[in-house]
Amino acid sequence: MVIPERRAAGLTDTVARASAGALAHLPVAKVTNLVRTMGELKDAGYWLVGLDEQGDKNYSELDYTSPVGIVLGSEGQGLHELTRKRCDFVVSLPTTGPIKSLNVSVAAGVVLFEAIRQRNARTRGK
């Protein structure tokens, strides 16, 4: 997990408890320049997929079996423009009725589940 040093929620005891222990098993990198780090990830072969309610594609249309970084914006504001421009794809999650978007943690969970589902299906298919 890559998070910016500034303008991001801190990794507090409350966050650790809410993660149900997962935070202890997750490598975390705090970076001073997120956009530059995204460029470095792309240079290393990662596809960057941004989540935004104004995404160009449905999240389920992408192949998540290659190295991929999932980029999340903030609650309420979404992806910053420079961050969005660095993404190879910007996807959205379909909603119905009056709900226009999901909480960022819920959206992340849905996309991570899809990535794991695709990778498990690929592994079983070999």
N, C-alpha and C. Protein backbone atom coordinates (compact mmCIF):
# COMPACT_ATOMS: atom_id res chain seq x y z
N MET A 1 0.85 -1.15 0.00
CA MET A 1 0.00 0.00 0.00
C MET A 1 0.90 1.23 0.00
N VAL A 2 0.59 2.16 -0.88
CA VAL A 2 1.34 3.41 -0.97
C VAL A 2 0.41 4.54 -0.56
N ILE A 3 0.86 5.35 0.38
CA ILE A 3 0.05 6.49 0.81
C ILE A 3 0.94 7.73 0.85
N PRO A 4 0.35 8.89 0.58
CA PRO A 4 1.14 10.12 0.69
C PRO A 4 1.39 10.48 2.15
N GLU A 5 2.55 11.10 2.40
CA GLU A 5 2.88 11.51 3.77
C GLU A 5 1.92 12.58 4.28
N ARG A 6 1.49 13.46 3.37
CA ARG A 6 0.60 14.55 3.77
C ARG A 6 -0.74 14.40 3.08
N ARG A 7 -1.74 15.01 3.63
CA ARG A 7 -3.09 15.04 3.07
C ARG A 7 -3.68 13.64 2.90
N ALA A 8 -3.42 12.79 3.87
CA ALA A 8 -4.00 11.44 3.87
C ALA A 8 -4.28 11.06 5.32
N ALA A 9 -5.21 10.17 5.50
CA ALA A 9 -5.51 9.68 6.85
C ALA A 9 -4.30 8.96 7.41
N GLY A 10 -4.00 9.18 8.66
CA GLY A 10 -2.87 8.54 9.29
C GLY A 10 -3.17 7.09 9.64
N LEU A 11 -2.10 6.33 9.85
CA LEU A 11 -2.25 4.93 10.24
C LEU A 11 -2.23 4.87 11.77
N THR A 12 -3.35 5.17 12.35
CA THR A 12 -3.50 5.26 13.80
C THR A 12 -3.89 3.90 14.39
N ASP A 13 -3.94 3.85 15.72
CA ASP A 13 -4.41 2.63 16.39
C ASP A 13 -5.85 2.31 15.98
N THR A 14 -6.65 3.33 15.78
CA THR A 14 -8.04 3.12 15.35
C THR A 14 -8.08 2.47 13.97
N VAL A 15 -7.21 2.93 13.07
CA VAL A 15 -7.14 2.34 11.73
C VAL A 15 -6.69 0.88 11.83
N ALA A 16 -5.71 0.62 12.67
CA ALA A 16 -5.22 -0.75 12.84
C ALA A 16 -6.33 -1.67 13.35
N ARG A 17 -7.11 -1.20 14.33
CA ARG A 17 -8.21 -2.02 14.85
C ARG A 17 -9.28 -2.24 13.78
N ALA A 18 -9.59 -1.19 13.03
CA ALA A 18 -10.62 -1.31 11.99
C ALA A 18 -10.20 -2.27 10.89
N SER A 19 -8.89 -2.43 10.70
CA SER A 19 -8.42 -3.34 9.65
C SER A 19 -8.47 -4.80 10.10
N ALA A 20 -8.90 -5.04 11.32
CA ALA A 20 -9.01 -6.39 11.88
C ALA A 20 -7.69 -7.15 11.80
N GLY A 21 -6.58 -6.42 11.99
CA GLY A 21 -5.27 -7.05 12.00
C GLY A 21 -4.58 -7.11 10.65
N ALA A 22 -5.27 -6.80 9.58
CA ALA A 22 -4.67 -6.88 8.24
C ALA A 22 -3.52 -5.91 8.07
N LEU A 23 -3.58 -4.77 8.72
CA LEU A 23 -2.53 -3.75 8.58
C LEU A 23 -1.17 -4.29 9.00
N ALA A 24 -1.15 -5.20 9.96
CA ALA A 24 0.11 -5.78 10.43
C ALA A 24 0.78 -6.65 9.37
N HIS A 25 0.04 -7.09 8.38
CA HIS A 25 0.57 -7.98 7.34
C HIS A 25 0.73 -7.28 6.00
N LEU A 26 0.53 -5.98 5.98
CA LEU A 26 0.52 -5.23 4.73
C LEU A 26 1.69 -4.27 4.69
N PRO A 27 2.58 -4.41 3.69
CA PRO A 27 3.66 -3.43 3.57
C PRO A 27 3.08 -2.06 3.22
N VAL A 28 3.53 -1.03 3.92
CA VAL A 28 3.04 0.33 3.69
C VAL A 28 4.23 1.23 3.38
N ALA A 29 4.12 1.98 2.28
CA ALA A 29 5.14 2.97 1.92
C ALA A 29 4.50 4.34 1.97
N LYS A 30 5.09 5.23 2.78
CA LYS A 30 4.65 6.63 2.80
C LYS A 30 5.57 7.40 1.87
N VAL A 31 4.99 8.09 0.90
CA VAL A 31 5.79 8.79 -0.10
C VAL A 31 5.52 10.29 -0.04
N THR A 32 6.55 11.07 -0.42
CA THR A 32 6.40 12.52 -0.41
C THR A 32 5.75 13.04 -1.68
N ASN A 33 5.87 12.31 -2.78
CA ASN A 33 5.30 12.75 -4.05
C ASN A 33 4.57 11.58 -4.71
N LEU A 34 3.27 11.53 -4.56
CA LEU A 34 2.48 10.40 -5.06
C LEU A 34 2.53 10.29 -6.58
N VAL A 35 2.46 11.41 -7.28
CA VAL A 35 2.46 11.38 -8.74
C VAL A 35 3.79 10.83 -9.26
N ARG A 36 4.90 11.23 -8.66
CA ARG A 36 6.21 10.71 -9.07
C ARG A 36 6.28 9.20 -8.79
N THR A 37 5.78 8.79 -7.64
CA THR A 37 5.78 7.36 -7.29
C THR A 37 4.93 6.57 -8.28
N MET A 38 3.82 7.14 -8.71
CA MET A 38 2.99 6.47 -9.72
C MET A 38 3.78 6.27 -11.01
N GLY A 39 4.57 7.27 -11.40
CA GLY A 39 5.42 7.14 -12.59
C GLY A 39 6.44 6.02 -12.41
N GLU A 40 7.02 5.92 -11.23
CA GLU A 40 7.99 4.85 -10.95
C GLU A 40 7.33 3.48 -11.01
N LEU A 41 6.11 3.37 -10.50
CA LEU A 41 5.39 2.10 -10.58
C LEU A 41 5.11 1.73 -12.04
N LYS A 42 4.72 2.71 -12.85
CA LYS A 42 4.47 2.44 -14.27
C LYS A 42 5.76 1.99 -14.95
N ASP A 43 6.88 2.65 -14.62
CA ASP A 43 8.18 2.26 -15.19
C ASP A 43 8.55 0.84 -14.79
N ALA A 44 8.08 0.40 -13.63
CA ALA A 44 8.36 -0.96 -13.14
C ALA A 44 7.39 -2.00 -13.71
N GLY A 45 6.47 -1.56 -14.58
CA GLY A 45 5.58 -2.52 -15.23
C GLY A 45 4.18 -2.63 -14.66
N TYR A 46 3.81 -1.76 -13.75
CA TYR A 46 2.46 -1.79 -13.19
C TYR A 46 1.50 -0.99 -14.06
N TRP A 47 0.29 -1.50 -14.21
CA TRP A 47 -0.82 -0.74 -14.78
C TRP A 47 -1.50 -0.06 -13.61
N LEU A 48 -1.83 1.21 -13.76
CA LEU A 48 -2.48 1.95 -12.69
C LEU A 48 -3.94 2.18 -13.03
N VAL A 49 -4.80 1.73 -12.13
CA VAL A 49 -6.25 1.80 -12.32
C VAL A 49 -6.84 2.70 -11.24
N GLY A 50 -7.37 3.83 -11.66
CA GLY A 50 -8.01 4.75 -10.73
C GLY A 50 -9.48 4.43 -10.57
N LEU A 51 -10.01 4.62 -9.37
CA LEU A 51 -11.45 4.44 -9.12
C LEU A 51 -12.09 5.82 -8.97
N ASP A 52 -13.13 6.05 -9.74
CA ASP A 52 -13.81 7.34 -9.71
C ASP A 52 -15.22 7.16 -10.23
N GLU A 53 -16.18 7.87 -9.66
CA GLU A 53 -17.56 7.73 -10.12
C GLU A 53 -17.72 8.19 -11.56
N GLN A 54 -16.78 8.97 -12.07
CA GLN A 54 -16.80 9.42 -13.47
C GLN A 54 -15.83 8.61 -14.32
N GLY A 55 -15.63 7.35 -13.98
CA GLY A 55 -14.69 6.50 -14.72
C GLY A 55 -15.12 6.26 -16.15
N ASP A 56 -14.14 5.96 -16.99
CA ASP A 56 -14.37 5.73 -18.42
C ASP A 56 -14.87 4.31 -18.70
N LYS A 57 -14.60 3.38 -17.80
CA LYS A 57 -14.97 1.98 -17.99
C LYS A 57 -15.60 1.44 -16.71
N ASN A 58 -16.32 0.35 -16.87
CA ASN A 58 -16.82 -0.40 -15.73
C ASN A 58 -15.65 -1.18 -15.15
N TYR A 59 -15.51 -1.23 -13.84
CA TYR A 59 -14.38 -1.90 -13.21
C TYR A 59 -14.24 -3.36 -13.65
N SER A 60 -15.33 -4.02 -13.98
CA SER A 60 -15.29 -5.45 -14.31
C SER A 60 -14.78 -5.72 -15.72
N GLU A 61 -14.56 -4.68 -16.52
CA GLU A 61 -14.08 -4.85 -17.89
C GLU A 61 -12.56 -5.01 -17.97
N LEU A 62 -11.85 -4.77 -16.88
CA LEU A 62 -10.39 -4.81 -16.93
C LEU A 62 -9.84 -6.16 -16.51
N ASP A 63 -8.62 -6.41 -16.97
CA ASP A 63 -7.87 -7.60 -16.59
C ASP A 63 -6.95 -7.21 -15.43
N TYR A 64 -7.17 -7.80 -14.28
CA TYR A 64 -6.38 -7.49 -13.10
C TYR A 64 -5.34 -8.57 -12.80
N THR A 65 -5.04 -9.43 -13.77
CA THR A 65 -4.12 -10.53 -13.51
C THR A 65 -2.66 -10.12 -13.68
N SER A 66 -2.40 -9.01 -14.34
CA SER A 66 -1.03 -8.51 -14.47
C SER A 66 -0.73 -7.60 -13.27
N PRO A 67 0.52 -7.18 -13.11
CA PRO A 67 0.81 -6.26 -12.01
C PRO A 67 -0.04 -4.99 -12.14
N VAL A 68 -0.77 -4.68 -11.10
CA VAL A 68 -1.69 -3.55 -11.15
C VAL A 68 -1.68 -2.80 -9.82
N GLY A 69 -1.77 -1.50 -9.92
CA GLY A 69 -1.93 -0.65 -8.74
C GLY A 69 -3.30 -0.03 -8.79
N ILE A 70 -4.04 -0.12 -7.72
CA ILE A 70 -5.38 0.44 -7.66
C ILE A 70 -5.29 1.77 -6.91
N VAL A 71 -5.71 2.83 -7.58
CA VAL A 71 -5.54 4.19 -7.07
C VAL A 71 -6.89 4.71 -6.56
N LEU A 72 -6.91 5.11 -5.31
CA LEU A 72 -8.14 5.58 -4.68
C LEU A 72 -8.04 7.07 -4.38
N GLY A 73 -9.13 7.76 -4.55
CA GLY A 73 -9.18 9.17 -4.19
C GLY A 73 -9.69 9.33 -2.78
N SER A 74 -9.96 10.56 -2.43
CA SER A 74 -10.46 10.84 -1.09
C SER A 74 -11.98 10.80 -1.09
N GLU A 75 -12.54 10.63 0.10
CA GLU A 75 -14.00 10.68 0.24
C GLU A 75 -14.46 12.08 -0.18
N GLY A 76 -15.45 12.15 -0.99
CA GLY A 76 -16.02 13.44 -1.36
C GLY A 76 -15.37 14.10 -2.56
N GLN A 77 -14.03 14.10 -2.64
CA GLN A 77 -13.34 14.76 -3.74
C GLN A 77 -12.89 13.81 -4.84
N GLY A 78 -12.73 12.55 -4.53
CA GLY A 78 -12.27 11.59 -5.53
C GLY A 78 -10.81 11.78 -5.88
N LEU A 79 -10.45 11.42 -7.10
CA LEU A 79 -9.06 11.51 -7.55
C LEU A 79 -8.70 12.96 -7.88
N HIS A 80 -7.50 13.37 -7.46
CA HIS A 80 -6.99 14.67 -7.88
C HIS A 80 -6.66 14.59 -9.37
N GLU A 81 -6.70 15.69 -10.05
CA GLU A 81 -6.52 15.72 -11.51
C GLU A 81 -5.17 15.12 -11.94
N LEU A 82 -4.07 15.50 -11.29
CA LEU A 82 -2.76 14.95 -11.67
C LEU A 82 -2.69 13.45 -11.43
N THR A 83 -3.28 13.01 -10.34
CA THR A 83 -3.32 11.57 -10.04
C THR A 83 -4.12 10.85 -11.11
N ARG A 84 -5.25 11.40 -11.47
CA ARG A 84 -6.11 10.80 -12.50
C ARG A 84 -5.37 10.69 -13.83
N LYS A 85 -4.63 11.72 -14.20
CA LYS A 85 -3.91 11.73 -15.48
C LYS A 85 -2.82 10.66 -15.52
N ARG A 86 -2.25 10.31 -14.37
CA ARG A 86 -1.21 9.28 -14.31
C ARG A 86 -1.77 7.86 -14.44
N CYS A 87 -3.05 7.70 -14.21
CA CYS A 87 -3.67 6.37 -14.30
C CYS A 87 -3.77 5.92 -15.75
N ASP A 88 -3.55 4.63 -15.98
CA ASP A 88 -3.73 4.05 -17.32
C ASP A 88 -5.21 3.91 -17.63
N PHE A 89 -6.00 3.61 -16.62
CA PHE A 89 -7.45 3.45 -16.75
C PHE A 89 -8.11 4.12 -15.55
N VAL A 90 -9.29 4.66 -15.78
CA VAL A 90 -10.11 5.15 -14.67
C VAL A 90 -11.44 4.43 -14.79
N VAL A 91 -11.78 3.69 -13.74
CA VAL A 91 -12.98 2.86 -13.76
C VAL A 91 -13.98 3.33 -12.72
N SER A 92 -15.22 2.93 -12.94
CA SER A 92 -16.28 3.23 -11.98
C SER A 92 -17.00 1.94 -11.63
N LEU A 93 -17.72 2.00 -10.54
CA LEU A 93 -18.56 0.88 -10.12
C LEU A 93 -20.00 1.28 -10.38
N PRO A 94 -20.75 0.45 -11.09
CA PRO A 94 -22.13 0.82 -11.40
C PRO A 94 -22.99 0.85 -10.14
N THR A 95 -23.86 1.84 -10.08
CA THR A 95 -24.82 1.93 -8.98
C THR A 95 -26.20 2.17 -9.59
N THR A 96 -27.21 1.94 -8.81
CA THR A 96 -28.58 2.17 -9.29
C THR A 96 -29.31 3.08 -8.32
N GLY A 97 -30.37 3.67 -8.80
CA GLY A 97 -31.18 4.52 -7.95
C GLY A 97 -30.48 5.82 -7.61
N PRO A 98 -30.80 6.37 -6.46
CA PRO A 98 -30.26 7.69 -6.10
C PRO A 98 -28.79 7.67 -5.66
N ILE A 99 -28.24 6.49 -5.42
CA ILE A 99 -26.85 6.39 -4.97
C ILE A 99 -25.92 6.57 -6.17
N LYS A 100 -25.06 7.59 -6.11
CA LYS A 100 -24.17 7.89 -7.23
C LYS A 100 -22.78 7.28 -7.07
N SER A 101 -22.38 7.01 -5.84
CA SER A 101 -21.06 6.44 -5.62
C SER A 101 -21.05 5.69 -4.30
N LEU A 102 -20.01 4.88 -4.13
CA LEU A 102 -19.84 4.10 -2.91
C LEU A 102 -18.75 4.73 -2.04
N ASN A 103 -18.78 4.43 -0.77
CA ASN A 103 -17.71 4.79 0.14
C ASN A 103 -16.40 4.26 -0.43
N VAL A 104 -15.30 5.01 -0.29
CA VAL A 104 -14.03 4.61 -0.91
C VAL A 104 -13.56 3.24 -0.43
N SER A 105 -13.78 2.91 0.84
CA SER A 105 -13.34 1.60 1.33
C SER A 105 -14.17 0.48 0.73
N VAL A 106 -15.45 0.71 0.53
CA VAL A 106 -16.32 -0.29 -0.10
C VAL A 106 -15.91 -0.48 -1.56
N ALA A 107 -15.69 0.62 -2.27
CA ALA A 107 -15.27 0.54 -3.67
C ALA A 107 -13.95 -0.21 -3.79
N ALA A 108 -13.02 0.08 -2.89
CA ALA A 108 -11.73 -0.62 -2.92
C ALA A 108 -11.94 -2.11 -2.70
N GLY A 109 -12.78 -2.48 -1.76
CA GLY A 109 -13.06 -3.89 -1.49
C GLY A 109 -13.65 -4.61 -2.69
N VAL A 110 -14.55 -3.95 -3.40
CA VAL A 110 -15.17 -4.56 -4.58
C VAL A 110 -14.11 -4.81 -5.65
N VAL A 111 -13.27 -3.83 -5.92
CA VAL A 111 -12.26 -3.98 -6.97
C VAL A 111 -11.18 -4.98 -6.56
N LEU A 112 -10.77 -4.96 -5.30
CA LEU A 112 -9.79 -5.94 -4.83
C LEU A 112 -10.36 -7.35 -4.92
N PHE A 113 -11.63 -7.53 -4.59
CA PHE A 113 -12.27 -8.83 -4.72
C PHE A 113 -12.22 -9.28 -6.18
N GLU A 114 -12.52 -8.39 -7.11
CA GLU A 114 -12.49 -8.74 -8.54
C GLU A 114 -11.08 -9.14 -8.97
N ALA A 115 -10.07 -8.43 -8.49
CA ALA A 115 -8.69 -8.77 -8.83
C ALA A 115 -8.33 -10.16 -8.30
N ILE A 116 -8.70 -10.44 -7.07
CA ILE A 116 -8.42 -11.76 -6.49
C ILE A 116 -9.20 -12.84 -7.22
N ARG A 117 -10.45 -12.57 -7.54
CA ARG A 117 -11.27 -13.54 -8.27
C ARG A 117 -10.62 -13.88 -9.61
N GLN A 118 -10.19 -12.88 -10.35
CA GLN A 118 -9.56 -13.12 -11.65
C GLN A 118 -8.25 -13.89 -11.50
N ARG A 119 -7.45 -13.53 -10.51
CA ARG A 119 -6.17 -14.21 -10.32
C ARG A 119 -6.36 -15.65 -9.88
N ASN A 120 -7.34 -15.91 -9.02
CA ASN A 120 -7.64 -17.29 -8.62
C ASN A 120 -8.15 -18.10 -9.79
N ALA A 121 -9.01 -17.52 -10.62
CA ALA A 121 -9.53 -18.22 -11.79
C ALA A 121 -8.41 -18.55 -12.75
N ARG A 122 -7.47 -17.65 -12.91
CA ARG A 122 -6.33 -17.87 -13.80
C ARG A 122 -5.45 -19.00 -13.27
N THR A 123 -5.22 -19.00 -11.95
CA THR A 123 -4.40 -20.04 -11.32
C THR A 123 -5.06 -21.41 -11.46
N ARG A 124 -6.38 -21.48 -11.23
CA ARG A 124 -7.09 -22.75 -11.35
C ARG A 124 -7.12 -23.24 -12.80
N GLY A 125 -7.08 -22.31 -13.74
CA GLY A 125 -7.15 -22.67 -15.15
C GLY A 125 -5.85 -23.23 -15.70
N LYS A 126 -4.76 -23.11 -14.93
CA LYS A 126 -3.45 -23.60 -15.42
C LYS A 126 -3.31 -25.08 -15.20
